[in-house]
């Protein structure tokens, strides 16, 4: 169901006009009540006409002594009833700058087997919402969501920054939970397993990229975890919800040419969280973690002793630092904020911290880095960073600035390269989770309740988080 934001606003304006009208009616009724009481005070109760009760069954009949009620009490009762009837709407804040009565809120909440928080329009304000998840099919896995990380993509799509948001929109693609049901054909999971779901939940499964376990680059487009179109034609809804149903993918690989043999690989669109790994800290790995891990592995940034530069110290940047240290690299953090120096060096254990606007500090690192991971999404110059790379060095862009500008000489002189990346494939994502568990790589998180999500998104926009919000779905979504 797609809701026109303008029609919603018109309805809200009508409700507000109605509330003012009803308040005025209440005032008039109160005035009339006082006048009536004043006129009837001179009459003795015996002369006041009774309020006659209609005939009813014996069980419902009002006792005789209660059938004669003074008119002043009748009028007061009517006025009170009117007031209580209106107050039952219990207007309360629903989204920024608007209010809706309980009856309207019930309609907005909807019906269904899954409770969630959703955005209804481009304001991006989230509120409770119900919808139906599909039933578990033969190749499906259902999991109860425990935690969900908060990614900047949640801001982008709840506020329709790309112009393709489908409302009501339930965001969240850093999902961790517990398996509650599996289909008859599922072999890789069992009830009770700790699992995660990342940025996509399906793909064509037949193209060259899916065959190479690079499903995120599927030729027909991977099915996004939220605001995507699933195979059954429904719009996918993400992890700000009580549970989710995802596919297991079985891959048949030929092992021999002379004698045809096949191996069945259970490649899932959800992943096993290693035993003992904290579930709240696992959530950010499913987007922020794999987004930097994947290009680091592709460009062989796991060679101990090499030098890595990390531009930006947010959700992605702090994971790049942690992976760099786990790989044995010498890590330098670049930031425009001096306030991040202490945490970069002491909490994240970076080897060096540089203010990128300080030309002298930048010049001191000329041709000293083997790799750079650029996580900054704001517009920034590229040539100064390219000058810091050694011959054959590579800068990988995982942020989304509005444009990339650099002089050809920044590439040609030194055979340097610039590359882009997104998240990773299913196989690589599972490898990353296993690596983090084995090497005790843990994201820095701030756990919040779902009721705080609108404030959290505003803080995320202001970069006021260290370093990833994670929603405690299990204990706050009810």
Foldseek 3Di string as FASTA:
>chain_A
DADDPVVVVVVQVVVVVVVVVLVVVLVVLVVVLVVVCVVCPPPDLVPADAQADDDDDPVPDDDPVPRGDHPSVVSVVVSVVSVVVVCQQVWDDDDPPTTGGPVVVVVQQPDEDKWFWFQRALVLDTDIHHDYADDAEQFKWKWFWFKFWDDLVSVCQSNCVVVQHGPRWADTFLTWGFTCDHHNNDDPDDGGFIKTAGFAFAAPCPDPCNVVLFRCVHPVHGATQAQGQDPVRDGHHHDRMGMHMGGWDWDWDFDDDVDTDTDIDTQGSMETQDPPDDRLQSRLCRFLVQLLVVVCVVVVVLAAPAEEEEEDDASNRLNNLLSNVLSNHQYEYEDCDPVCVCCVCPVSNHNYYYDVVDVVRLVVQFQPHQEYEYADQADDADLSVLRNHHQQHEYEYAHHHPDYDDDPCSCPVRVYYYYYTGGGGRVVSNVSSVSCVVSVRTADEDEDEPVCVVVVSVCVVVCNGRYIYMYRSVPHRD
